[in-house]
Amino acid sequence: MSSLRTRLGRLSALATPRPAGEGEPAAQPAVALPDEAAAEAPRERLDPTARGADVMRGELERLRTRGRARRGAGGGARASGPRVDELPGETQVTDFGELHVVEHRCERDHQHGARAIHPARGVDGDVVATLALDPQMRGLDFSRALYIDTETTGLMGGTGTVPFLIGTARFHGDQLVVRKLVLRRLGEEVPMLHALAEQLREASCVVSFNGKSFDWPLLRTRFVMNRVKAPPIPPHLDLLHCARRVFRQRLERVRLVDIEREVLGFTRVDDVAGAEIPELYMSYLRGGDAAPIARIIDHNRLDLIALAALLAELVQQFDGLAAEHDPRDKLACARVAERAGDALLANSLAGAVTDTEGRGMHAAQAWLLRARVARRAGDAPAQETAALAALAALGGDAADALTEAEVHLTLAKLYEHGLKDPARALAHAVHTVPAEDEEQAQRRAARLAAKLGRG
C-alpha cells in the first residue's frame, strides 16, 4: 500500500528523476510506452510533469480503445492484449458483467509476524473510539468491519487514475477472508464497483491505511465516472492517523512496512515495491507477462492482513498495558486518551509508564501528564505530588530542557494560583524558559516578587 506521498512521487517520476525528499520514497522511473504513444508525447514542453501525466492518460485511453475493439471482434488478437487467462483466481459471471476474483483465507491461528490477527475481530469499539478520537466508533461490531486497500495505475488526476485492484477483507466466522477484485481489462470496472458496493452495505465500518485521503476519494470518483450509485460509506477508521499518534515517538517514518517490521515483527520477502506497481500493470495491459500481477495481488493480500494485525496491536496498546510494550508507545497512548477526554484511561496509561520507568524523560513526561489530569480534576495536592515526581525523575539531567521547564512552569502556576505560595512559585518561575518565552517569564517573576515585597 502506498501513502499519498508515494503516489505523488510516481507522478513526478513520469517527468524527471529527482532525489527523494525527507520522508519520501525515491521517484519511480518513467513509464516505457509503445512507439505510437511516445510519438504523441511532445506537448506541454514547458511543464514536463504535466507532459508525463498526459502521456500516461493517453496510453490508458489507447489501451481502453484497443480493449473495446478486441471485445467487439470476439476477443481476437490475444497476443497484443492482456493475457487474462494467465491471471490467478477465477472469473465470475454477475448481473453486471464478468468479475475476476482472487480469494485467500486466513485461519483463526494466523500470525502476521509476532501478532495474531484474530483479536481484531472482537476489539472494543469504545477503545477504538478513543484511539481514533472518533465517537462514531463507539459500540461498533468489528467482526463486521471491512478492510479496504487499492492498487492503482498511478496518480495522474482527472479520470486517469484507475484502481485496477480493489482488495477487501472481512471476518467470516473465525476466518479472515481476503478478496481481490482484479480489473482484467480497462473498461470493466462496473462489476467491481457493484461488488464493492454490496460489501460496503453489509459492513459496520471501513478500516484502511490512508484510505480517507486516498482510497475512498478515488473509489468515490470511479463510482461517479462509471455511473454506479455509491452506497453511503459507513464509519471509516483510518489506521494511518492512529499509528502516527501511537508510534511516531520511536519510528522515523510511519509507513505500513515500517510498522510491520518494527512493531508487528514481520518483514516482507521479495515484495513488489509500490512505485513499480503502475508500470507492471501497464505492461500486462500491453500484452506483457501476467506473472507480476500475481506479485501485486500478494502485496495487496499482505497489506490487508497487516491492517487486521495492526488494529489488534493498537487496541492492545490501550487495553493490555503489557510490560513488554515500549514506554514511548504507552506514553503516546496516554496522550491520546487525554485528548479524547478519558482522564481515567490517560492516568492509568501514564501510571503504567511511571511504574516501569523510574527515572528519565519518559517517566517525567508521564508524571507531567498525571499532573495535568489532576489539575483538570481540581485536585491540587495530587497535581503537586505528580509534578514534584516529574522533577525528581529528571534528576537535574539537562538532556531535556523543555520537559524540565514545563515541570517548573506547572509548579510555578500551581503554587501561585492554586496553593497560594508565592515564595515557592518564584523559586520555580525563574526556570520556566523555554516552556514560555523570556518576556512572559520576566513578567511572572516580577509579579511574584511584588507579592513578596521584593519589587
Protein backbone atom coordinates (compact mmCIF):
# COMPACT_ATOMS: atom_id res chain seq x y z
CA MET A 1 0.00 0.00 0.00
CA SER A 2 1.38 3.38 -0.86
CA SER A 3 0.86 6.61 1.02
CA LEU A 4 -0.37 9.70 -0.82
CA ARG A 5 3.21 10.98 -0.85
CA THR A 6 4.37 7.80 -2.56
CA ARG A 7 1.69 8.19 -5.22
CA LEU A 8 2.63 11.83 -5.78
CA GLY A 9 6.21 10.62 -6.17
CA ARG A 10 5.05 8.37 -9.00
CA LEU A 11 3.58 11.35 -10.86
CA SER A 12 6.79 13.34 -10.55
CA ALA A 13 8.75 10.32 -11.72
CA LEU A 14 6.89 10.30 -15.03
CA ALA A 15 8.62 13.57 -15.89
CA THR A 16 12.15 13.69 -14.46
CA PRO A 17 14.10 11.85 -11.76
CA ARG A 18 14.82 13.71 -8.54
CA PRO A 19 16.26 12.76 -5.16
CA ALA A 20 13.77 11.63 -2.55
CA GLY A 21 12.79 14.30 -0.03
CA GLU A 22 12.69 13.84 3.72
CA GLY A 23 10.19 11.10 4.48
CA GLU A 24 9.54 10.42 0.79
CA PRO A 25 10.49 7.36 -1.28
CA ALA A 26 12.62 7.70 -4.37
CA ALA A 27 10.70 8.51 -7.53
CA GLN A 28 9.91 5.66 -9.93
CA PRO A 29 11.41 5.54 -13.44
CA ALA A 30 9.42 6.96 -16.31
CA VAL A 31 6.93 4.56 -17.89
CA ALA A 32 8.15 2.91 -21.09
CA LEU A 33 5.45 3.37 -23.74
CA PRO A 34 4.94 1.84 -27.18
CA ASP A 35 6.25 3.85 -30.12
CA GLU A 36 2.87 5.19 -31.20
CA ALA A 37 2.13 6.54 -27.69
CA ALA A 38 5.62 8.02 -27.35
CA ALA A 39 5.16 9.82 -30.67
CA GLU A 40 2.20 11.68 -29.19
CA ALA A 41 4.11 12.76 -26.07
CA PRO A 42 5.73 16.11 -27.10
CA ARG A 43 3.17 18.56 -25.77
CA GLU A 44 3.24 20.94 -22.78
CA ARG A 45 7.03 21.09 -23.15
CA LEU A 46 7.34 23.80 -20.55
CA ASP A 47 5.69 21.55 -17.96
CA PRO A 48 7.32 18.08 -18.00
CA THR A 49 5.21 16.84 -15.08
CA ALA A 50 2.01 17.60 -16.97
CA ARG A 51 3.50 16.04 -20.10
CA GLY A 52 4.27 12.78 -18.24
CA ALA A 53 0.73 12.64 -16.84
CA ASP A 54 -0.76 13.36 -20.28
CA VAL A 55 1.29 10.57 -21.84
CA MET A 56 0.06 8.08 -19.25
CA ARG A 57 -3.53 9.22 -19.73
CA GLY A 58 -3.11 8.83 -23.48
CA GLU A 59 -1.68 5.35 -23.03
CA LEU A 60 -4.60 4.32 -20.80
CA GLU A 61 -7.11 5.64 -23.31
CA ARG A 62 -5.35 3.83 -26.15
CA LEU A 63 -5.47 0.58 -24.19
CA ARG A 64 -9.16 1.14 -23.39
CA THR A 65 -9.90 1.64 -27.07
CA ARG A 66 -7.96 -1.44 -28.06
CA GLY A 67 -9.76 -3.49 -25.41
CA ARG A 68 -13.16 -2.37 -26.72
CA ALA A 69 -12.11 -3.21 -30.28
CA ARG A 70 -10.91 -6.67 -29.25
CA ARG A 71 -14.14 -7.44 -27.40
CA GLY A 72 -16.17 -6.18 -30.33
CA ALA A 73 -14.23 -8.50 -32.65
CA GLY A 74 -14.89 -11.52 -30.47
CA GLY A 75 -11.65 -11.41 -28.46
CA GLY A 76 -9.15 -11.96 -31.27
CA ALA A 77 -5.52 -10.81 -31.39
CA ARG A 78 -4.75 -12.34 -27.99
CA ALA A 79 -1.00 -11.66 -28.27
CA SER A 80 -1.48 -7.89 -28.48
CA GLY A 81 -3.77 -7.56 -25.46
CA PRO A 82 -3.86 -8.56 -21.78
CA ARG A 83 -3.21 -12.24 -21.17
CA VAL A 84 -6.25 -12.61 -18.93
CA ASP A 85 -6.16 -16.42 -18.98
CA GLU A 86 -2.86 -16.29 -17.09
CA LEU A 87 -4.23 -14.36 -14.13
CA PRO A 88 -4.59 -16.22 -10.81
CA GLY A 89 -8.09 -16.62 -9.42
CA GLU A 90 -11.35 -17.12 -11.26
CA THR A 91 -13.79 -15.13 -13.36
CA GLN A 92 -17.36 -15.00 -12.08
CA VAL A 93 -20.44 -14.05 -14.08
CA THR A 94 -22.56 -11.39 -12.36
CA ASP A 95 -25.64 -9.38 -13.30
CA PHE A 96 -23.31 -6.51 -14.22
CA GLY A 97 -20.70 -8.41 -16.23
CA GLU A 98 -17.71 -10.63 -15.60
CA LEU A 99 -15.82 -10.15 -12.34
CA HIS A 100 -12.34 -11.56 -11.72
CA VAL A 101 -11.78 -12.58 -8.08
CA VAL A 102 -8.78 -13.94 -6.19
CA GLU A 103 -9.63 -15.22 -2.71
CA HIS A 104 -7.43 -16.13 0.24
CA ARG A 105 -8.45 -17.36 3.69
CA CYS A 106 -6.57 -16.94 6.97
CA GLU A 107 -7.41 -19.38 9.74
CA ARG A 108 -8.03 -18.41 13.36
CA ASP A 109 -4.43 -19.04 14.44
CA HIS A 110 -2.87 -16.99 11.63
CA GLN A 111 0.01 -14.77 12.74
CA HIS A 112 1.34 -11.71 10.92
CA GLY A 113 4.86 -11.72 12.27
CA ALA A 114 4.59 -11.81 16.07
CA ARG A 115 0.96 -10.63 16.14
CA ALA A 116 -2.22 -12.67 15.80
CA ILE A 117 -4.92 -11.24 13.54
CA HIS A 118 -7.95 -12.90 15.14
CA PRO A 119 -8.19 -10.44 18.10
CA ALA A 120 -9.11 -7.74 15.56
CA ARG A 121 -12.47 -9.48 15.19
CA GLY A 122 -13.51 -8.64 18.74
CA VAL A 123 -11.88 -5.29 19.52
CA ASP A 124 -13.84 -2.97 21.79
CA GLY A 125 -15.46 -0.16 19.80
CA ASP A 126 -15.21 2.18 22.80
CA VAL A 127 -11.43 1.71 22.94
CA VAL A 128 -11.23 2.25 19.18
CA ALA A 129 -13.23 5.48 19.57
CA THR A 130 -10.60 6.76 22.00
CA LEU A 131 -7.75 5.60 19.77
CA ALA A 132 -9.28 7.24 16.70
CA LEU A 133 -10.62 10.31 18.51
CA ASP A 134 -13.89 9.47 16.75
CA PRO A 135 -17.13 8.92 18.72
CA GLN A 136 -18.67 7.17 15.69
CA MET A 137 -16.65 4.07 16.58
CA ARG A 138 -18.38 3.56 19.93
CA GLY A 139 -20.39 0.37 20.10
CA LEU A 140 -19.47 -0.82 16.60
CA ASP A 141 -19.28 -4.55 15.87
CA PHE A 142 -15.77 -5.01 14.46
CA SER A 143 -16.49 -8.60 13.46
CA ARG A 144 -18.30 -6.95 10.50
CA ALA A 145 -15.56 -4.45 9.67
CA LEU A 146 -14.49 -4.25 6.03
CA TYR A 147 -10.77 -3.73 5.42
CA ILE A 148 -10.04 -1.93 2.14
CA ASP A 149 -6.90 -1.30 0.09
CA THR A 150 -6.43 -0.48 -3.60
CA GLU A 151 -3.66 -0.72 -6.17
CA THR A 152 -3.83 1.84 -8.97
CA THR A 153 -2.37 2.92 -12.29
CA GLY A 154 -0.72 5.89 -10.56
CA LEU A 155 -1.71 9.40 -9.59
CA MET A 156 -2.49 11.42 -12.71
CA GLY A 157 -5.57 13.41 -11.75
CA GLY A 158 -8.92 13.60 -13.52
CA THR A 159 -10.06 10.30 -14.99
CA GLY A 160 -6.56 8.87 -15.40
CA THR A 161 -6.17 7.13 -12.05
CA VAL A 162 -7.78 3.69 -12.20
CA PRO A 163 -7.93 1.26 -9.26
CA PHE A 164 -7.15 -1.94 -11.13
CA LEU A 165 -7.22 -3.99 -7.93
CA ILE A 166 -9.69 -3.46 -5.08
CA GLY A 167 -8.69 -5.56 -2.10
CA THR A 168 -11.10 -6.22 0.75
CA ALA A 169 -11.03 -8.41 3.83
CA ARG A 170 -13.57 -9.27 6.50
CA PHE A 171 -14.12 -11.97 9.08
CA HIS A 172 -16.44 -14.86 8.28
CA GLY A 173 -16.65 -16.83 11.48
CA ASP A 174 -13.10 -17.38 12.67
CA GLN A 175 -11.56 -16.91 9.23
CA LEU A 176 -10.34 -13.67 7.69
CA VAL A 177 -11.41 -13.84 4.05
CA VAL A 178 -9.32 -11.68 1.73
CA ARG A 179 -10.84 -10.92 -1.70
CA LYS A 180 -9.02 -9.16 -4.51
CA LEU A 181 -11.18 -7.81 -7.33
CA VAL A 182 -8.92 -7.54 -10.37
CA LEU A 183 -9.53 -5.43 -13.47
CA ARG A 184 -8.67 -7.81 -16.32
CA ARG A 185 -9.00 -5.08 -18.94
CA LEU A 186 -9.66 -1.36 -18.82
CA GLY A 187 -13.35 -0.59 -19.16
CA GLU A 188 -14.54 -3.47 -16.95
CA GLU A 189 -14.87 -1.54 -13.67
CA VAL A 190 -18.66 -1.72 -13.30
CA PRO A 191 -18.85 -5.30 -11.91
CA MET A 192 -16.03 -4.50 -9.47
CA LEU A 193 -17.79 -1.40 -8.19
CA HIS A 194 -21.11 -3.19 -7.74
CA ALA A 195 -19.33 -5.97 -5.80
CA LEU A 196 -17.63 -3.39 -3.58
CA ALA A 197 -20.93 -1.56 -3.01
CA GLU A 198 -22.55 -4.79 -1.83
CA GLN A 199 -19.75 -5.38 0.69
CA LEU A 200 -19.96 -1.79 1.95
CA ARG A 201 -23.70 -2.13 2.57
CA GLU A 202 -23.04 -5.16 4.79
CA ALA A 203 -20.15 -3.62 6.74
CA SER A 204 -20.34 -1.99 10.17
CA CYS A 205 -17.32 0.18 9.34
CA VAL A 206 -14.40 0.56 6.95
CA VAL A 207 -10.78 0.08 8.06
CA SER A 208 -7.95 1.40 5.87
CA PHE A 209 -4.46 2.86 5.93
CA ASN A 210 -4.55 6.36 4.42
CA GLY A 211 -7.93 5.46 2.94
CA LYS A 212 -9.61 8.69 3.98
CA SER A 213 -7.16 10.72 1.93
CA PHE A 214 -6.60 8.37 -1.00
CA ASP A 215 -8.51 5.11 -1.43
CA TRP A 216 -12.06 6.23 -0.68
CA PRO A 217 -11.95 9.57 -2.59
CA LEU A 218 -10.58 7.65 -5.59
CA LEU A 219 -13.24 4.95 -5.37
CA ARG A 220 -15.99 7.54 -4.98
CA THR A 221 -14.75 9.19 -8.20
CA ARG A 222 -14.79 5.84 -10.01
CA PHE A 223 -18.40 5.24 -8.92
CA VAL A 224 -19.35 8.60 -10.44
CA MET A 225 -17.32 8.07 -13.65
CA ASN A 226 -18.90 4.66 -14.23
CA ARG A 227 -22.45 5.81 -13.30
CA VAL A 228 -22.71 3.30 -10.47
CA LYS A 229 -24.52 4.54 -7.38
CA ALA A 230 -22.13 4.57 -4.44
CA PRO A 231 -23.59 3.40 -1.14
CA PRO A 232 -23.15 5.64 1.90
CA ILE A 233 -19.80 4.77 3.40
CA PRO A 234 -20.08 3.52 6.99
CA PRO A 235 -17.85 4.97 9.75
CA HIS A 236 -14.27 4.98 8.48
CA LEU A 237 -11.29 4.06 10.69
CA ASP A 238 -8.04 5.25 9.07
CA LEU A 239 -5.23 3.45 10.90
CA LEU A 240 -2.57 5.76 9.48
CA HIS A 241 -3.71 8.55 11.80
CA CYS A 242 -3.95 6.18 14.77
CA ALA A 243 -0.50 4.74 14.10
CA ARG A 244 1.04 8.20 13.87
CA ARG A 245 -0.33 9.12 17.29
CA VAL A 246 0.99 5.97 18.94
CA PHE A 247 4.27 5.17 17.15
CA ARG A 248 5.70 8.47 15.93
CA GLN A 249 7.85 8.81 19.08
CA ARG A 250 10.00 5.85 18.04
CA LEU A 251 9.51 5.39 14.27
CA GLU A 252 11.20 7.75 11.86
CA ARG A 253 8.53 7.03 9.24
CA VAL A 254 5.09 5.60 9.92
CA ARG A 255 4.62 3.59 6.73
CA LEU A 256 2.85 0.26 6.87
CA VAL A 257 6.04 -1.65 6.01
CA ASP A 258 7.91 0.17 8.81
CA ILE A 259 5.16 -0.67 11.32
CA GLU A 260 5.16 -4.29 10.16
CA ARG A 261 8.90 -4.58 10.72
CA GLU A 262 9.35 -2.55 13.92
CA VAL A 263 6.05 -3.23 15.72
CA LEU A 264 4.47 -6.39 14.31
CA GLY A 265 7.73 -8.26 13.77
CA PHE A 266 7.01 -9.05 10.12
CA THR A 267 9.50 -8.50 7.28
CA ARG A 268 8.36 -8.87 3.70
CA VAL A 269 10.50 -11.01 1.40
CA ASP A 270 10.63 -10.35 -2.35
CA ASP A 271 7.71 -7.93 -2.08
CA VAL A 272 6.95 -5.77 -5.09
CA ALA A 273 7.75 -2.09 -4.47
CA GLY A 274 4.71 0.19 -4.54
CA ALA A 275 6.39 2.52 -7.03
CA GLU A 276 6.73 -0.35 -9.53
CA ILE A 277 3.08 -1.41 -9.47
CA PRO A 278 1.62 1.02 -12.08
CA GLU A 279 4.16 0.08 -14.76
CA LEU A 280 3.81 -3.65 -14.07
CA TYR A 281 0.08 -3.38 -14.69
CA MET A 282 0.56 -1.21 -17.79
CA SER A 283 2.97 -3.82 -19.17
CA TYR A 284 0.35 -6.52 -18.57
CA LEU A 285 -2.28 -4.46 -20.42
CA ARG A 286 0.07 -4.20 -23.40
CA GLY A 287 0.24 -7.97 -23.58
CA GLY A 288 3.27 -8.48 -21.37
CA ASP A 289 3.90 -11.14 -18.77
CA ALA A 290 0.94 -11.60 -16.39
CA ALA A 291 3.12 -13.19 -13.69
CA PRO A 292 3.94 -9.86 -11.96
CA ILE A 293 0.20 -9.33 -11.39
CA ALA A 294 0.33 -12.29 -9.00
CA ARG A 295 3.06 -10.46 -7.05
CA ILE A 296 0.86 -7.34 -6.87
CA ILE A 297 -2.05 -9.47 -5.65
CA ASP A 298 0.16 -10.95 -2.94
CA HIS A 299 1.39 -7.47 -1.98
CA ASN A 300 -2.21 -6.36 -1.54
CA ARG A 301 -3.05 -9.51 0.45
CA LEU A 302 -0.24 -8.74 2.91
CA ASP A 303 -1.43 -5.14 3.23
CA LEU A 304 -4.92 -6.26 4.21
CA ILE A 305 -3.73 -8.88 6.70
CA ALA A 306 -1.40 -6.26 8.19
CA LEU A 307 -4.39 -3.97 8.78
CA ALA A 308 -6.09 -6.58 10.94
CA ALA A 309 -2.87 -7.25 12.87
CA LEU A 310 -2.26 -3.52 13.33
CA LEU A 311 -5.79 -2.86 14.62
CA ALA A 312 -5.41 -5.67 17.15
CA GLU A 313 -1.99 -4.34 18.24
CA LEU A 314 -3.17 -0.74 18.64
CA VAL A 315 -6.15 -1.74 20.77
CA GLN A 316 -3.94 -3.98 22.90
CA GLN A 317 -1.64 -0.99 23.49
CA PHE A 318 -4.60 0.71 25.22
CA ASP A 319 -6.05 -2.39 26.82
CA GLY A 320 -3.25 -4.72 27.85
CA LEU A 321 -0.58 -2.38 29.30
CA ALA A 322 1.81 -5.30 28.90
CA ALA A 323 5.28 -4.88 30.37
CA GLU A 324 6.89 -5.61 27.01
CA HIS A 325 5.25 -2.61 25.37
CA ASP A 326 7.64 0.22 24.60
CA PRO A 327 7.23 3.03 27.19
CA ARG A 328 7.12 5.55 24.34
CA ASP A 329 4.05 3.78 22.95
CA LYS A 330 2.38 3.71 26.37
CA LEU A 331 3.04 7.41 26.84
CA ALA A 332 1.67 8.16 23.36
CA CYS A 333 -1.49 6.18 24.18
CA ALA A 334 -1.86 8.13 27.42
CA ARG A 335 -1.69 11.39 25.47
CA VAL A 336 -4.31 10.15 23.01
CA ALA A 337 -6.61 9.20 25.90
CA GLU A 338 -6.02 12.64 27.40
CA ARG A 339 -7.01 14.29 24.09
CA ALA A 340 -10.10 12.09 23.97
CA GLY A 341 -11.13 13.36 27.41
CA ASP A 342 -10.78 9.96 29.07
CA ALA A 343 -9.00 11.04 32.27
CA LEU A 344 -9.22 7.62 33.93
CA LEU A 345 -7.59 5.82 30.99
CA ALA A 346 -4.99 8.57 30.50
CA ASN A 347 -3.97 8.36 34.17
CA SER A 348 -3.87 4.55 34.04
CA LEU A 349 -1.67 4.51 30.91
CA ALA A 350 0.66 7.16 32.31
CA GLY A 351 0.82 5.17 35.54
CA ALA A 352 1.96 2.13 33.56
CA VAL A 353 4.92 4.21 32.36
CA THR A 354 5.82 5.57 35.80
CA ASP A 355 5.55 2.07 37.29
CA THR A 356 8.10 0.66 34.84
CA GLU A 357 10.26 3.74 34.20
CA GLY A 358 11.54 5.10 37.47
CA ARG A 359 13.71 7.86 36.03
CA GLY A 360 14.35 9.63 32.75
CA MET A 361 12.50 11.76 30.26
CA HIS A 362 9.63 9.32 29.61
CA ALA A 363 8.92 8.90 33.30
CA ALA A 364 8.99 12.69 33.77
CA GLN A 365 6.61 13.28 30.87
CA ALA A 366 4.24 10.61 32.23
CA TRP A 367 4.24 12.27 35.67
CA LEU A 368 3.62 15.62 33.99
CA LEU A 369 0.61 14.14 32.20
CA ARG A 370 -0.71 12.83 35.52
CA ALA A 371 -0.29 16.34 36.92
CA ARG A 372 -2.43 17.73 34.10
CA VAL A 373 -5.14 15.14 34.77
CA ALA A 374 -5.12 16.08 38.46
CA ARG A 375 -5.34 19.80 37.64
CA ARG A 376 -8.41 19.25 35.46
CA ALA A 377 -9.98 17.26 38.29
CA GLY A 378 -9.32 20.16 40.68
CA ASP A 379 -7.03 18.03 42.86
CA ALA A 380 -4.18 20.43 43.74
CA PRO A 381 -2.38 18.08 46.19
CA ALA A 382 -2.31 15.26 43.57
CA GLN A 383 -1.09 17.75 40.97
CA GLU A 384 1.76 18.88 43.28
CA THR A 385 2.76 15.28 44.02
CA ALA A 386 2.86 14.37 40.33
CA ALA A 387 4.77 17.50 39.28
CA LEU A 388 7.40 17.06 42.01
CA ALA A 389 7.75 13.40 40.97
CA ALA A 390 8.36 14.58 37.40
CA LEU A 391 11.13 16.88 38.61
CA ALA A 392 12.67 14.06 40.63
CA ALA A 393 12.51 11.70 37.63
CA LEU A 394 14.62 14.15 35.62
CA GLY A 395 17.14 14.27 38.46
CA GLY A 396 18.71 17.52 37.28
CA ASP A 397 19.59 15.99 33.91
CA ALA A 398 19.68 18.84 31.39
CA ALA A 399 19.20 16.45 28.44
CA ASP A 400 15.58 17.53 28.05
CA ALA A 401 15.49 21.21 28.90
CA LEU A 402 11.97 21.69 27.55
CA THR A 403 10.42 18.98 29.73
CA GLU A 404 12.21 20.36 32.81
CA ALA A 405 10.99 23.88 32.02
CA GLU A 406 7.43 22.58 31.58
CA VAL A 407 7.58 20.99 35.04
CA HIS A 408 8.84 24.22 36.61
CA LEU A 409 6.10 26.17 34.82
CA THR A 410 3.47 23.73 36.11
CA LEU A 411 4.73 24.15 39.67
CA ALA A 412 5.05 27.94 39.37
CA LYS A 413 1.40 28.23 38.29
CA LEU A 414 0.22 25.74 40.91
CA TYR A 415 1.97 27.46 43.80
CA GLU A 416 0.92 30.95 42.67
CA HIS A 417 -2.74 30.32 41.83
CA GLY A 418 -3.67 27.00 43.43
CA LEU A 419 -1.74 26.71 46.68
CA LYS A 420 -1.13 30.47 47.19
CA ASP A 421 2.55 30.12 47.99
CA PRO A 422 4.35 32.92 46.08
CA ALA A 423 7.76 32.13 47.56
CA ARG A 424 7.79 28.58 46.22
CA ALA A 425 6.19 29.82 42.98
CA LEU A 426 9.07 32.26 42.46
CA ALA A 427 11.65 29.51 43.05
CA HIS A 428 10.23 27.69 40.02
CA ALA A 429 9.33 30.76 37.94
CA VAL A 430 13.00 31.54 37.29
CA HIS A 431 13.37 28.20 35.43
CA THR A 432 10.37 28.28 33.05
CA VAL A 433 12.20 29.16 29.80
CA PRO A 434 11.85 27.65 27.12
CA ALA A 435 8.38 26.41 28.19
CA GLU A 436 7.44 30.11 27.94
CA ASP A 437 9.35 32.98 26.38
CA GLU A 438 11.71 35.32 28.22
CA GLU A 439 9.23 38.18 28.39
CA GLN A 440 6.49 36.02 29.93
CA ALA A 441 8.95 34.56 32.43
CA GLN A 442 10.17 38.00 33.48
CA ARG A 443 6.61 39.26 33.97
CA ARG A 444 5.75 36.19 36.07
CA ALA A 445 8.87 36.58 38.23
CA ALA A 446 8.27 40.33 38.70
CA ARG A 447 4.65 39.73 39.72
CA LEU A 448 5.67 37.12 42.30
CA ALA A 449 8.49 39.31 43.63
CA ALA A 450 6.00 42.16 44.10
CA LYS A 451 3.72 39.87 46.08
CA LEU A 452 6.63 39.09 48.34
CA GLY A 453 7.51 42.79 48.73
CA ARG A 454 10.72 42.47 46.71
CA GLY A 455 9.67 44.60 43.75
